[in-house]
Amino acid sequence: MAEQILHRLNVSKGYLKWTSKHFTAINKLTELNRVNALYQNIADSWHQFNFANTDKDSRELLSELRAIFNKTFKKEKK
């Protein structure tokens, strides 16, 4: 399970880079701060060995960031 959580966090970090650039470009800083805080809270839980919700939270974060990427990337390509 630990490998899967780390993998999701690493992939999420990649999506977060795109999301940060996109939200900064369109000036959606509130939304950017929200997803950054979600990522940071999960990473902090991981580093504190608080695994109770880290698995579920990392799944939800990855799903949300992937959805944001898919939605915004398609718009940028138009």
PDB file of N, CA and C in Angstrom:
ATOM      1  N   MET A   1       0.821  -1.188   0.000  1.00  0.00           N
ATOM      2  CA  MET A   1       0.000   0.000   0.000  1.00  0.00           C
ATOM      3  C   MET A   1       0.872   1.261   0.000  1.00  0.00           C
ATOM      4  N   ALA A   2       1.988   1.239   0.706  1.00  0.00           N
ATOM      5  CA  ALA A   2       2.856   2.415   0.778  1.00  0.00           C
ATOM      6  C   ALA A   2       3.364   2.815  -0.608  1.00  0.00           C
ATOM      7  N   GLU A   3       3.730   1.826  -1.412  1.00  0.00           N
ATOM      8  CA  GLU A   3       4.207   2.131  -2.769  1.00  0.00           C
ATOM      9  C   GLU A   3       3.126   2.814  -3.591  1.00  0.00           C
ATOM     10  N   GLN A   4       1.894   2.339  -3.443  1.00  0.00           N
ATOM     11  CA  GLN A   4       0.788   2.923  -4.203  1.00  0.00           C
ATOM     12  C   GLN A   4       0.531   4.366  -3.775  1.00  0.00           C
ATOM     13  N   ILE A   5       0.599   4.618  -2.473  1.00  0.00           N
ATOM     14  CA  ILE A   5       0.391   5.983  -1.981  1.00  0.00           C
ATOM     15  C   ILE A   5       1.483   6.900  -2.516  1.00  0.00           C
ATOM     16  N   LEU A   6       2.727   6.453  -2.430  1.00  0.00           N
ATOM     17  CA  LEU A   6       3.837   7.266  -2.941  1.00  0.00           C
ATOM     18  C   LEU A   6       3.704   7.522  -4.437  1.00  0.00           C
ATOM     19  N   HIS A   7       3.290   6.501  -5.159  1.00  0.00           N
ATOM     20  CA  HIS A   7       3.095   6.668  -6.606  1.00  0.00           C
ATOM     21  C   HIS A   7       2.017   7.718  -6.877  1.00  0.00           C
ATOM     22  N   ARG A   8       0.894   7.617  -6.165  1.00  0.00           N
ATOM     23  CA  ARG A   8      -0.185   8.596  -6.364  1.00  0.00           C
ATOM     24  C   ARG A   8       0.277  10.007  -6.008  1.00  0.00           C
ATOM     25  N   LEU A   9       1.067  10.137  -4.940  1.00  0.00           N
ATOM     26  CA  LEU A   9       1.572  11.460  -4.567  1.00  0.00           C
ATOM     27  C   LEU A   9       2.512  12.011  -5.634  1.00  0.00           C
ATOM     28  N   ASN A  10       3.356  11.159  -6.187  1.00  0.00           N
ATOM     29  CA  ASN A  10       4.275  11.610  -7.240  1.00  0.00           C
ATOM     30  C   ASN A  10       3.526  12.026  -8.502  1.00  0.00           C
ATOM     31  N   VAL A  11       2.549  11.231  -8.903  1.00  0.00           N
ATOM     32  CA  VAL A  11       1.750  11.577 -10.085  1.00  0.00           C
ATOM     33  C   VAL A  11       0.945  12.849  -9.809  1.00  0.00           C
ATOM     34  N   SER A  12       0.397  12.944  -8.607  1.00  0.00           N
ATOM     35  CA  SER A  12      -0.357  14.146  -8.232  1.00  0.00           C
ATOM     36  C   SER A  12       0.518  15.383  -8.306  1.00  0.00           C
ATOM     37  N   LYS A  13       1.761  15.250  -7.896  1.00  0.00           N
ATOM     38  CA  LYS A  13       2.677  16.392  -7.941  1.00  0.00           C
ATOM     39  C   LYS A  13       2.873  16.869  -9.380  1.00  0.00           C
ATOM     40  N   GLY A  14       2.956  15.936 -10.318  1.00  0.00           N
ATOM     41  CA  GLY A  14       3.061  16.307 -11.729  1.00  0.00           C
ATOM     42  C   GLY A  14       1.827  17.042 -12.210  1.00  0.00           C
ATOM     43  N   TYR A  15       0.652  16.514 -11.884  1.00  0.00           N
ATOM     44  CA  TYR A  15      -0.589  17.199 -12.252  1.00  0.00           C
ATOM     45  C   TYR A  15      -0.683  18.553 -11.554  1.00  0.00           C
ATOM     46  N   LEU A  16      -0.179  18.627 -10.334  1.00  0.00           N
ATOM     47  CA  LEU A  16      -0.229  19.874  -9.586  1.00  0.00           C
ATOM     48  C   LEU A  16       0.615  20.953 -10.256  1.00  0.00           C
ATOM     49  N   LYS A  17       1.718  20.564 -10.869  1.00  0.00           N
ATOM     50  CA  LYS A  17       2.547  21.540 -11.595  1.00  0.00           C
ATOM     51  C   LYS A  17       1.753  22.158 -12.741  1.00  0.00           C
ATOM     52  N   TRP A  18       1.059  21.317 -13.509  1.00  0.00           N
ATOM     53  CA  TRP A  18       0.233  21.832 -14.608  1.00  0.00           C
ATOM     54  C   TRP A  18      -0.886  22.714 -14.059  1.00  0.00           C
ATOM     55  N   THR A  19      -1.555  22.228 -13.030  1.00  0.00           N
ATOM     56  CA  THR A  19      -2.670  22.957 -12.441  1.00  0.00           C
ATOM     57  C   THR A  19      -2.207  24.313 -11.924  1.00  0.00           C
ATOM     58  N   SER A  20      -1.033  24.353 -11.301  1.00  0.00           N
ATOM     59  CA  SER A  20      -0.491  25.615 -10.788  1.00  0.00           C
ATOM     60  C   SER A  20      -0.263  26.609 -11.915  1.00  0.00           C
ATOM     61  N   LYS A  21       0.334  26.147 -13.004  1.00  0.00           N
ATOM     62  CA  LYS A  21       0.572  27.036 -14.145  1.00  0.00           C
ATOM     63  C   LYS A  21      -0.748  27.532 -14.723  1.00  0.00           C
ATOM     64  N   HIS A  22      -1.698  26.614 -14.872  1.00  0.00           N
ATOM     65  CA  HIS A  22      -2.984  26.972 -15.469  1.00  0.00           C
ATOM     66  C   HIS A  22      -3.747  27.957 -14.587  1.00  0.00           C
ATOM     67  N   PHE A  23      -3.899  27.634 -13.301  1.00  0.00           N
ATOM     68  CA  PHE A  23      -4.660  28.509 -12.410  1.00  0.00           C
ATOM     69  C   PHE A  23      -3.985  29.868 -12.236  1.00  0.00           C
ATOM     70  N   THR A  24      -2.666  29.911 -12.260  1.00  0.00           N
ATOM     71  CA  THR A  24      -1.955  31.187 -12.179  1.00  0.00           C
ATOM     72  C   THR A  24      -2.223  32.009 -13.436  1.00  0.00           C
ATOM     73  N   ALA A  25      -2.195  31.360 -14.591  1.00  0.00           N
ATOM     74  CA  ALA A  25      -2.421  32.057 -15.862  1.00  0.00           C
ATOM     75  C   ALA A  25      -3.818  32.655 -15.950  1.00  0.00           C
ATOM     76  N   ILE A  26      -4.801  31.966 -15.398  1.00  0.00           N
ATOM     77  CA  ILE A  26      -6.173  32.479 -15.474  1.00  0.00           C
ATOM     78  C   ILE A  26      -6.594  33.172 -14.175  1.00  0.00           C
ATOM     79  N   ASN A  27      -5.629  33.366 -13.279  1.00  0.00           N
ATOM     80  CA  ASN A  27      -5.837  34.103 -12.029  1.00  0.00           C
ATOM     81  C   ASN A  27      -6.892  33.465 -11.126  1.00  0.00           C
ATOM     82  N   LYS A  28      -6.854  32.158 -10.996  1.00  0.00           N
ATOM     83  CA  LYS A  28      -7.729  31.445 -10.058  1.00  0.00           C
ATOM     84  C   LYS A  28      -6.894  31.011  -8.852  1.00  0.00           C
ATOM     85  N   LEU A  29      -6.407  31.993  -8.125  1.00  0.00           N
ATOM     86  CA  LEU A  29      -5.482  31.707  -7.036  1.00  0.00           C
ATOM     87  C   LEU A  29      -6.156  31.033  -5.847  1.00  0.00           C
ATOM     88  N   THR A  30      -7.432  31.293  -5.623  1.00  0.00           N
ATOM     89  CA  THR A  30      -8.146  30.629  -4.535  1.00  0.00           C
ATOM     90  C   THR A  30      -8.205  29.130  -4.786  1.00  0.00           C
ATOM     91  N   GLU A  31      -8.522  28.753  -6.000  1.00  0.00           N
ATOM     92  CA  GLU A  31      -8.574  27.334  -6.361  1.00  0.00           C
ATOM     93  C   GLU A  31      -7.182  26.712  -6.299  1.00  0.00           C
ATOM     94  N   LEU A  32      -6.186  27.444  -6.745  1.00  0.00           N
ATOM     95  CA  LEU A  32      -4.807  26.963  -6.679  1.00  0.00           C
ATOM     96  C   LEU A  32      -4.392  26.722  -5.231  1.00  0.00           C
ATOM     97  N   ASN A  33      -4.689  27.663  -4.359  1.00  0.00           N
ATOM     98  CA  ASN A  33      -4.352  27.500  -2.943  1.00  0.00           C
ATOM     99  C   ASN A  33      -5.063  26.301  -2.335  1.00  0.00           C
ATOM    100  N   ARG A  34      -6.293  26.052  -2.765  1.00  0.00           N
ATOM    101  CA  ARG A  34      -7.059  24.924  -2.236  1.00  0.00           C
ATOM    102  C   ARG A  34      -6.403  23.595  -2.599  1.00  0.00           C
ATOM    103  N   VAL A  35      -6.044  23.405  -3.873  1.00  0.00           N
ATOM    104  CA  VAL A  35      -5.451  22.122  -4.267  1.00  0.00           C
ATOM    105  C   VAL A  35      -4.032  21.983  -3.721  1.00  0.00           C
ATOM    106  N   ASN A  36      -3.304  23.091  -3.617  1.00  0.00           N
ATOM    107  CA  ASN A  36      -1.979  23.032  -2.994  1.00  0.00           C
ATOM    108  C   ASN A  36      -2.084  22.598  -1.537  1.00  0.00           C
ATOM    109  N   ALA A  37      -3.069  23.135  -0.822  1.00  0.00           N
ATOM    110  CA  ALA A  37      -3.264  22.768   0.584  1.00  0.00           C
ATOM    111  C   ALA A  37      -3.648  21.296   0.718  1.00  0.00           C
ATOM    112  N   LEU A  38      -4.499  20.803  -0.179  1.00  0.00           N
ATOM    113  CA  LEU A  38      -4.859  19.380  -0.152  1.00  0.00           C
ATOM    114  C   LEU A  38      -3.621  18.507  -0.304  1.00  0.00           C
ATOM    115  N   TYR A  39      -2.803  18.829  -1.293  1.00  0.00           N
ATOM    116  CA  TYR A  39      -1.582  18.058  -1.522  1.00  0.00           C
ATOM    117  C   TYR A  39      -0.667  18.127  -0.299  1.00  0.00           C
ATOM    118  N   GLN A  40      -0.483  19.323   0.227  1.00  0.00           N
ATOM    119  CA  GLN A  40       0.432  19.491   1.361  1.00  0.00           C
ATOM    120  C   GLN A  40      -0.063  18.740   2.594  1.00  0.00           C
ATOM    121  N   ASN A  41      -1.372  18.764   2.844  1.00  0.00           N
ATOM    122  CA  ASN A  41      -1.926  18.038   3.992  1.00  0.00           C
ATOM    123  C   ASN A  41      -1.691  16.541   3.867  1.00  0.00           C
ATOM    124  N   ILE A  42      -1.856  16.010   2.670  1.00  0.00           N
ATOM    125  CA  ILE A  42      -1.632  14.577   2.456  1.00  0.00           C
ATOM    126  C   ILE A  42      -0.152  14.251   2.606  1.00  0.00           C
ATOM    127  N   ALA A  43       0.704  15.083   2.046  1.00  0.00           N
ATOM    128  CA  ALA A  43       2.150  14.858   2.176  1.00  0.00           C
ATOM    129  C   ALA A  43       2.577  14.941   3.639  1.00  0.00           C
ATOM    130  N   ASP A  44       2.028  15.889   4.380  1.00  0.00           N
ATOM    131  CA  ASP A  44       2.350  16.005   5.805  1.00  0.00           C
ATOM    132  C   ASP A  44       1.894  14.769   6.571  1.00  0.00           C
ATOM    133  N   SER A  45       0.700  14.275   6.268  1.00  0.00           N
ATOM    134  CA  SER A  45       0.203  13.055   6.919  1.00  0.00           C
ATOM    135  C   SER A  45       1.128  11.887   6.638  1.00  0.00           C
ATOM    136  N   TRP A  46       1.605  11.800   5.405  1.00  0.00           N
ATOM    137  CA  TRP A  46       2.527  10.729   5.019  1.00  0.00           C
ATOM    138  C   TRP A  46       3.814  10.816   5.837  1.00  0.00           C
ATOM    139  N   HIS A  47       4.370  12.006   5.941  1.00  0.00           N
ATOM    140  CA  HIS A  47       5.640  12.189   6.651  1.00  0.00           C
ATOM    141  C   HIS A  47       5.496  12.014   8.162  1.00  0.00           C
ATOM    142  N   GLN A  48       4.272  12.125   8.669  1.00  0.00           N
ATOM    143  CA  GLN A  48       4.020  11.910  10.092  1.00  0.00           C
ATOM    144  C   GLN A  48       3.566  10.476  10.359  1.00  0.00           C
ATOM    145  N   PHE A  49       3.644   9.642   9.333  1.00  0.00           N
ATOM    146  CA  PHE A  49       3.233   8.238   9.424  1.00  0.00           C
ATOM    147  C   PHE A  49       1.781   8.101   9.878  1.00  0.00           C
ATOM    148  N   ASN A  50       0.954   9.041   9.456  1.00  0.00           N
ATOM    149  CA  ASN A  50      -0.471   9.014   9.752  1.00  0.00           C
ATOM    150  C   ASN A  50      -1.178   8.446   8.521  1.00  0.00           C
ATOM    151  N   PHE A  51      -1.255   7.125   8.470  1.00  0.00           N
ATOM    152  CA  PHE A  51      -1.756   6.461   7.271  1.00  0.00           C
ATOM    153  C   PHE A  51      -3.262   6.203   7.286  1.00  0.00           C
ATOM    154  N   ALA A  52      -3.935   6.614   8.345  1.00  0.00           N
ATOM    155  CA  ALA A  52      -5.357   6.299   8.486  1.00  0.00           C
ATOM    156  C   ALA A  52      -6.165   6.734   7.267  1.00  0.00           C
ATOM    157  N   ASN A  53      -5.977   7.950   6.837  1.00  0.00           N
ATOM    158  CA  ASN A  53      -6.749   8.459   5.699  1.00  0.00           C
ATOM    159  C   ASN A  53      -5.893   8.754   4.479  1.00  0.00           C
ATOM    160  N   THR A  54      -4.583   8.562   4.584  1.00  0.00           N
ATOM    161  CA  THR A  54      -3.682   8.934   3.494  1.00  0.00           C
ATOM    162  C   THR A  54      -3.992   8.178   2.209  1.00  0.00           C
ATOM    163  N   ASP A  55      -4.334   6.907   2.315  1.00  0.00           N
ATOM    164  CA  ASP A  55      -4.647   6.121   1.119  1.00  0.00           C
ATOM    165  C   ASP A  55      -5.857   6.698   0.398  1.00  0.00           C
ATOM    166  N   LYS A  56      -6.938   6.878   1.134  1.00  0.00           N
ATOM    167  CA  LYS A  56      -8.174   7.410   0.542  1.00  0.00           C
ATOM    168  C   LYS A  56      -7.963   8.839   0.039  1.00  0.00           C
ATOM    169  N   ASP A  57      -7.325   9.662   0.841  1.00  0.00           N
ATOM    170  CA  ASP A  57      -7.108  11.059   0.459  1.00  0.00           C
ATOM    171  C   ASP A  57      -6.234  11.182  -0.784  1.00  0.00           C
ATOM    172  N   SER A  58      -5.210  10.332  -0.894  1.00  0.00           N
ATOM    173  CA  SER A  58      -4.338  10.406  -2.070  1.00  0.00           C
ATOM    174  C   SER A  58      -5.084   9.971  -3.328  1.00  0.00           C
ATOM    175  N   ARG A  59      -5.992   9.018  -3.186  1.00  0.00           N
ATOM    176  CA  ARG A  59      -6.829   8.613  -4.333  1.00  0.00           C
ATOM    177  C   ARG A  59      -7.718   9.767  -4.786  1.00  0.00           C
ATOM    178  N   GLU A  60      -8.360  10.413  -3.818  1.00  0.00           N
ATOM    179  CA  GLU A  60      -9.269  11.515  -4.139  1.00  0.00           C
ATOM    180  C   GLU A  60      -8.523  12.694  -4.759  1.00  0.00           C
ATOM    181  N   LEU A  61      -7.356  13.008  -4.212  1.00  0.00           N
ATOM    182  CA  LEU A  61      -6.563  14.111  -4.754  1.00  0.00           C
ATOM    183  C   LEU A  61      -6.134  13.827  -6.185  1.00  0.00           C
ATOM    184  N   LEU A  62      -5.617  12.636  -6.423  1.00  0.00           N
ATOM    185  CA  LEU A  62      -5.183  12.285  -7.774  1.00  0.00           C
ATOM    186  C   LEU A  62      -6.351  12.347  -8.745  1.00  0.00           C
ATOM    187  N   SER A  63      -7.488  11.849  -8.327  1.00  0.00           N
ATOM    188  CA  SER A  63      -8.674  11.881  -9.183  1.00  0.00           C
ATOM    189  C   SER A  63      -9.073  13.325  -9.507  1.00  0.00           C
ATOM    190  N   GLU A  64      -9.059  14.181  -8.504  1.00  0.00           N
ATOM    191  CA  GLU A  64      -9.437  15.582  -8.723  1.00  0.00           C
ATOM    192  C   GLU A  64      -8.440  16.300  -9.625  1.00  0.00           C
ATOM    193  N   LEU A  65      -7.149  16.112  -9.375  1.00  0.00           N
ATOM    194  CA  LEU A  65      -6.139  16.781 -10.195  1.00  0.00           C
ATOM    195  C   LEU A  65      -6.152  16.267 -11.629  1.00  0.00           C
ATOM    196  N   ARG A  66      -6.379  14.980 -11.792  1.00  0.00           N
ATOM    197  CA  ARG A  66      -6.460  14.408 -13.139  1.00  0.00           C
ATOM    198  C   ARG A  66      -7.658  15.003 -13.886  1.00  0.00           C
ATOM    199  N   ALA A  67      -8.782  15.155 -13.192  1.00  0.00           N
ATOM    200  CA  ALA A  67      -9.975  15.737 -13.817  1.00  0.00           C
ATOM    201  C   ALA A  67      -9.727  17.197 -14.207  1.00  0.00           C
ATOM    202  N   ILE A  68      -9.074  17.952 -13.334  1.00  0.00           N
ATOM    203  CA  ILE A  68      -8.747  19.350 -13.651  1.00  0.00           C
ATOM    204  C   ILE A  68      -7.839  19.404 -14.871  1.00  0.00           C
ATOM    205  N   PHE A  69      -6.820  18.548 -14.894  1.00  0.00           N
ATOM    206  CA  PHE A  69      -5.896  18.517 -16.027  1.00  0.00           C
ATOM    207  C   PHE A  69      -6.639  18.197 -17.318  1.00  0.00           C
ATOM    208  N   ASN A  70      -7.439  17.140 -17.293  1.00  0.00           N
ATOM    209  CA  ASN A  70      -8.151  16.737 -18.509  1.00  0.00           C
ATOM    210  C   ASN A  70      -9.077  17.841 -19.006  1.00  0.00           C
ATOM    211  N   LYS A  71      -9.750  18.510 -18.100  1.00  0.00           N
ATOM    212  CA  LYS A  71     -10.672  19.579 -18.482  1.00  0.00           C
ATOM    213  C   LYS A  71      -9.917  20.799 -19.016  1.00  0.00           C
ATOM    214  N   THR A  72      -8.874  21.214 -18.333  1.00  0.00           N
ATOM    215  CA  THR A  72      -8.172  22.439 -18.716  1.00  0.00           C
ATOM    216  C   THR A  72      -7.240  22.234 -19.894  1.00  0.00           C
ATOM    217  N   PHE A  73      -6.640  21.069 -20.007  1.00  0.00           N
ATOM    218  CA  PHE A  73      -5.726  20.811 -21.119  1.00  0.00           C
ATOM    219  C   PHE A  73      -6.482  20.832 -22.437  1.00  0.00           C
ATOM    220  N   LYS A  74      -7.680  20.259 -22.440  1.00  0.00           N
ATOM    221  CA  LYS A  74      -8.499  20.270 -23.655  1.00  0.00           C
ATOM    222  C   LYS A  74      -8.848  21.701 -24.055  1.00  0.00           C
ATOM    223  N   LYS A  75      -9.160  22.551 -23.071  1.00  0.00           N
ATOM    224  CA  LYS A  75      -9.493  23.946 -23.363  1.00  0.00           C
ATOM    225  C   LYS A  75      -8.291  24.689 -23.926  1.00  0.00           C
ATOM    226  N   GLU A  76      -7.110  24.421 -23.380  1.00  0.00           N
ATOM    227  CA  GLU A  76      -5.905  25.121 -23.839  1.00  0.00           C
ATOM    228  C   GLU A  76      -5.514  24.702 -25.246  1.00  0.00           C
ATOM    229  N   LYS A  77      -5.840  23.480 -25.629  1.00  0.00           N
ATOM    230  CA  LYS A  77      -5.476  22.997 -26.963  1.00  0.00           C
ATOM    231  C   LYS A  77      -6.368  23.598 -28.041  1.00  0.00           C
ATOM    232  N   LYS A  78      -7.532  24.139 -27.646  1.00  0.00           N
ATOM    233  CA  LYS A  78      -8.477  24.702 -28.628  1.00  0.00           C
ATOM    234  C   LYS A  78      -8.017  26.037 -29.128  1.00  0.00           C
TER     235      LYS A  78
END
